[in-house]
Amino acid sequence: MRKILIVPVGRIDSDVLKNISASLEETFHLSVDIGEEMPVSDDSYHARRRQYHSTKILKELQAMRGKDIERVLGVTDVDLYVPELNFVFGEADIPSGVTVISVTRLRQEFYGQPQNRELLIERCVKEAIHELGHTYNLGHCPDPRCIMFFSNRQRDTDVKGTGFCSVCKMQVKID
């Protein structure tokens, strides 16, 4: 049976993981398992930026892929970046089917706003579906309501829905 494996990278709230898991099962029609917590690698930390290089975390997550694991989603609570951007909410390695998202900048508190747990979970679900969508060869969509729209800020994530637009839905090959 093909599965998606969710790997907590560092300590992650179990409610966040459970909500992501349920949404992924519904969206991708695959069984979803939540794996054991993996420590955040010191090797991925960039001291000057005070952020973690998401590509290095992706490489570590690739080892979690087994014969029945079709996709891997790492979920972390550290601030992620790629060298060409100030930060990323997540990153996908398309050939390996491995993705990672960060809850850090999805939190209201990161921007000095009051905590909103429900909104945090909704944002995490959207970013998880978005990053896994890339592993099904979907690029960024120009429709701001589509889950594949590029999120450059929290507001972009809040505006988009949790599903694929009709164009992306036709392109994605989900059994």
Protein backbone atom coordinates (compact mmCIF):
# COMPACT_ATOMS: atom_id res chain seq x y z
CA MET A 1 0.00 0.00 0.00
CA ARG A 2 1.40 3.40 -1.01
CA LYS A 3 1.65 5.97 1.75
CA ILE A 4 2.60 9.49 2.67
CA LEU A 5 4.89 9.67 5.69
CA ILE A 6 4.80 12.79 7.86
CA VAL A 7 8.03 13.28 9.79
CA PRO A 8 8.15 15.78 12.64
CA VAL A 9 11.53 17.53 12.38
CA GLY A 10 11.94 18.65 15.97
CA ARG A 11 8.98 18.91 18.33
CA ILE A 12 5.64 19.58 16.57
CA ASP A 13 2.17 19.89 18.12
CA SER A 14 0.31 16.60 17.63
CA ASP A 15 -2.93 18.43 16.70
CA VAL A 16 -1.12 20.13 13.81
CA LEU A 17 0.19 16.76 12.61
CA LYS A 18 -3.21 15.03 12.94
CA ASN A 19 -4.98 17.77 10.97
CA ILE A 20 -2.36 17.70 8.23
CA SER A 21 -2.62 13.90 8.10
CA ALA A 22 -6.42 13.90 7.72
CA SER A 23 -6.30 16.56 4.99
CA LEU A 24 -3.58 14.75 3.05
CA GLU A 25 -5.54 11.50 3.10
CA GLU A 26 -8.59 13.30 1.75
CA THR A 27 -6.69 15.25 -0.90
CA PHE A 28 -4.25 12.64 -2.23
CA HIS A 29 -6.27 9.46 -1.55
CA LEU A 30 -3.31 7.78 0.14
CA SER A 31 -2.80 6.37 3.59
CA VAL A 32 -0.84 8.75 5.83
CA ASP A 33 1.42 7.74 8.71
CA ILE A 34 3.02 10.05 11.25
CA GLY A 35 6.56 8.88 11.85
CA GLU A 36 9.02 9.28 14.68
CA GLU A 37 10.43 12.70 15.48
CA MET A 38 13.71 13.47 13.74
CA PRO A 39 16.06 16.04 15.30
CA VAL A 40 16.72 19.31 13.49
CA SER A 41 20.21 19.04 12.05
CA ASP A 42 22.78 21.55 13.28
CA ASP A 43 24.39 21.20 9.84
CA SER A 44 21.40 22.95 8.25
CA TYR A 45 21.68 26.02 10.51
CA HIS A 46 23.07 29.27 9.08
CA ALA A 47 24.21 31.36 12.06
CA ARG A 48 24.37 34.73 10.26
CA ARG A 49 20.83 34.36 8.91
CA ARG A 50 19.55 32.61 12.06
CA GLN A 51 17.65 30.24 9.78
CA TYR A 52 17.81 26.65 8.60
CA HIS A 53 18.57 25.68 5.00
CA SER A 54 15.50 23.73 3.86
CA THR A 55 17.35 21.89 1.08
CA LYS A 56 19.68 20.29 3.63
CA ILE A 57 16.70 19.13 5.67
CA LEU A 58 15.14 17.68 2.50
CA LYS A 59 18.27 15.63 1.88
CA GLU A 60 18.05 14.15 5.39
CA LEU A 61 14.35 13.36 4.92
CA GLN A 62 15.10 11.41 1.72
CA ALA A 63 16.44 8.57 3.89
CA MET A 64 12.88 8.10 5.25
CA ARG A 65 11.55 7.05 1.87
CA GLY A 66 10.85 3.31 1.74
CA LYS A 67 9.32 1.06 -0.90
CA ASP A 68 5.77 1.66 0.35
CA ILE A 69 6.36 5.35 1.12
CA GLU A 70 5.38 7.35 -1.96
CA ARG A 71 5.89 10.82 -0.47
CA VAL A 72 7.54 12.26 2.64
CA LEU A 73 6.49 15.50 4.33
CA GLY A 74 8.76 16.94 6.99
CA VAL A 75 7.12 19.40 9.39
CA THR A 76 9.36 21.65 11.45
CA ASP A 77 9.12 24.69 13.69
CA VAL A 78 12.34 26.40 12.64
CA ASP A 79 12.62 29.30 10.20
CA LEU A 80 13.54 27.98 6.73
CA TYR A 81 15.35 29.58 3.82
CA VAL A 82 16.87 28.86 0.44
CA PRO A 83 19.83 31.04 -0.58
CA GLU A 84 17.93 33.05 -3.21
CA LEU A 85 15.01 33.97 -0.89
CA ASN A 86 14.65 35.63 2.52
CA PHE A 87 12.58 32.70 3.77
CA VAL A 88 10.34 29.87 2.58
CA PHE A 89 7.20 28.37 4.09
CA GLY A 90 8.31 25.09 2.53
CA GLU A 91 10.26 23.38 -0.21
CA ALA A 92 9.78 20.28 -2.36
CA ASP A 93 12.29 17.99 -4.03
CA ILE A 94 10.22 16.83 -6.97
CA PRO A 95 12.29 13.82 -8.16
CA SER A 96 12.46 12.25 -4.69
CA GLY A 97 8.89 13.11 -3.62
CA VAL A 98 10.19 14.66 -0.40
CA THR A 99 8.94 17.95 1.03
CA VAL A 100 9.30 20.08 4.14
CA ILE A 101 7.21 22.87 5.62
CA SER A 102 7.81 25.18 8.55
CA VAL A 103 5.13 26.33 10.96
CA THR A 104 7.29 29.22 12.23
CA ARG A 105 6.17 32.00 9.86
CA LEU A 106 2.65 30.60 9.67
CA ARG A 107 2.14 31.60 13.31
CA GLN A 108 0.40 34.90 14.01
CA GLU A 109 2.85 35.51 16.85
CA PHE A 110 5.80 35.60 14.44
CA TYR A 111 4.48 38.96 13.22
CA GLY A 112 3.41 40.26 16.64
CA GLN A 113 -0.25 39.25 16.28
CA PRO A 114 -2.33 37.35 18.85
CA GLN A 115 -2.09 33.57 18.73
CA ASN A 116 -4.75 31.85 16.59
CA ARG A 117 -4.42 28.08 16.77
CA GLU A 118 -7.22 27.35 14.28
CA LEU A 119 -5.67 29.66 11.68
CA LEU A 120 -2.22 28.13 12.24
CA ILE A 121 -3.58 24.62 11.58
CA GLU A 122 -5.39 25.82 8.44
CA ARG A 123 -2.20 27.43 7.13
CA CYS A 124 -0.14 24.31 7.87
CA VAL A 125 -2.63 22.14 5.99
CA LYS A 126 -2.53 24.45 2.97
CA GLU A 127 1.25 24.57 2.86
CA ALA A 128 1.50 20.78 3.22
CA ILE A 129 -0.89 20.20 0.31
CA HIS A 130 0.90 22.88 -1.74
CA GLU A 131 4.36 21.36 -1.29
CA LEU A 132 3.13 17.83 -1.98
CA GLY A 133 1.35 19.21 -5.07
CA HIS A 134 4.79 20.12 -6.44
CA THR A 135 5.80 16.44 -6.20
CA TYR A 136 2.94 15.68 -8.62
CA ASN A 137 4.64 18.02 -11.12
CA LEU A 138 2.43 21.02 -10.42
CA GLY A 139 4.06 24.42 -10.65
CA HIS A 140 2.81 27.64 -9.14
CA CYS A 141 -0.65 28.66 -10.31
CA PRO A 142 -1.69 32.22 -11.18
CA ASP A 143 -5.12 31.70 -9.53
CA PRO A 144 -4.86 33.20 -6.00
CA ARG A 145 -7.59 30.83 -4.74
CA CYS A 146 -5.77 27.68 -5.92
CA ILE A 147 -3.71 25.74 -3.40
CA MET A 148 -0.78 25.92 -5.86
CA PHE A 149 -0.65 29.74 -5.79
CA PHE A 150 2.77 30.94 -4.55
CA SER A 151 2.60 32.23 -0.97
CA ASN A 152 5.01 35.06 -0.33
CA ARG A 153 3.26 36.08 2.91
CA GLN A 154 0.66 34.78 5.34
CA ARG A 155 -2.13 36.67 3.56
CA ASP A 156 -1.44 34.73 0.33
CA THR A 157 -1.90 31.48 2.25
CA ASP A 158 -5.05 32.76 3.93
CA VAL A 159 -6.71 33.73 0.63
CA LYS A 160 -6.16 30.47 -1.19
CA GLY A 161 -8.40 27.49 -0.67
CA THR A 162 -7.36 23.98 0.31
CA GLY A 163 -8.06 22.51 -3.12
CA PHE A 164 -6.72 22.59 -6.65
CA CYS A 165 -8.30 24.90 -9.24
CA SER A 166 -9.87 23.20 -12.26
CA VAL A 167 -6.70 23.67 -14.37
CA CYS A 168 -4.38 22.18 -11.72
CA LYS A 169 -6.85 19.41 -10.93
CA MET A 170 -6.70 18.32 -14.60
CA GLN A 171 -2.88 18.29 -14.51
CA VAL A 172 -2.37 16.42 -11.26
CA LYS A 173 -2.35 12.64 -11.50
CA ILE A 174 -3.70 11.39 -8.19
CA ASP A 175 -5.06 7.84 -8.11
